Amino acid sequence: MRSALFLGWLVIWAVGCGETSPAPAEAVPAEPVAAAVDQAAVAAKAKILAYSSLTDANCEAFLTEWHAEHNGSRMEVETKYGTMTLELFDDVPLHAANFRYKVERGYYRPSEFVRVVPEFVVQGGNSEDIRAQEMRWLIGKHTLPSEFDDRYRHVRGAVAMGRTYKGNPDKRSAAYDFYIVVGRKVTAVELQQIEREKGFTYTEAQKQRYYAEGGTPHLDNEHTVFGRLVDGWEVLDRLSQVPTDDSDWPLQRLEMRVSAVN
């Protein structure tokens, strides 16, 4: 009896010992997966690298070439109050080319008006938004040689570039910061005083425009005028009346988007 039980136990033990855990599956080397290519990112980088970073030393040559190869004088400025149309003066070549170039690079899409002074100017483009700062770094921080032209004065609707006054004897223009003249009506006495102080003479047509439409004649031959407003006068007036703080900064963001029409 004992031997039979003993044999039975051996059989059970033998069967149990014969069971083994399944062997792990053999590891199959994974095939390398090609990284997905972001074509939009590649194109954006290529576009950035296609242009040199602009400096005071190279901007004149670059913009002269750009002006020769790129046409189009009409720009649209979209705002919350409507759209303004600007005409650039091709015979102010560096400033006209500079503005077209910044529009082509998408710098003003979007940007904002950062200074509003009733009966004076609506000014923008030099936003401190992170995107704007990055774009200025990519395009290049530079200034422009002044291009004063006696035919183009700061009458109402004139488009000109801002500039710094301190340490700028050549009156070089900013490269991003532009303004549109709102202005106020000017008297003959004021114009005569400006003529004496600055040593130039206004044409009769220019005087009549200042008398009838207004402007900011004290800025003549201080800032380069490179264009004019041709449509959207009511938009300019609405922009010029928005509430501002003590530094003329609009209390609400005045976003703009500038694009080329032709």
Foldseek 3Di string as FASTA:
>chain_A
DVVVVVVVVVVVVVVVVVDDDDDDDDDDDDDDDDDDDDVVVVVLVVVLVVDDADAQVCLVVVQVVQLVVDDAFWKWKQWPLGIWIKGFACVLRSLSSLVQVCQVNQLPVPWFFFFAAAQFKTKIFCDPPPSNVVVCVSNYFYWAQADADLVDAFFAFWKWFDDDDPPCPRLTGGRGMMIGTHHDADDPVVQVVLCVVVVHDHDPVVNVRSRPGGGDRNCHVNTHGGIGIDDDNVVRNVSNPADDPPRRGHPDTTMIGMHTPD
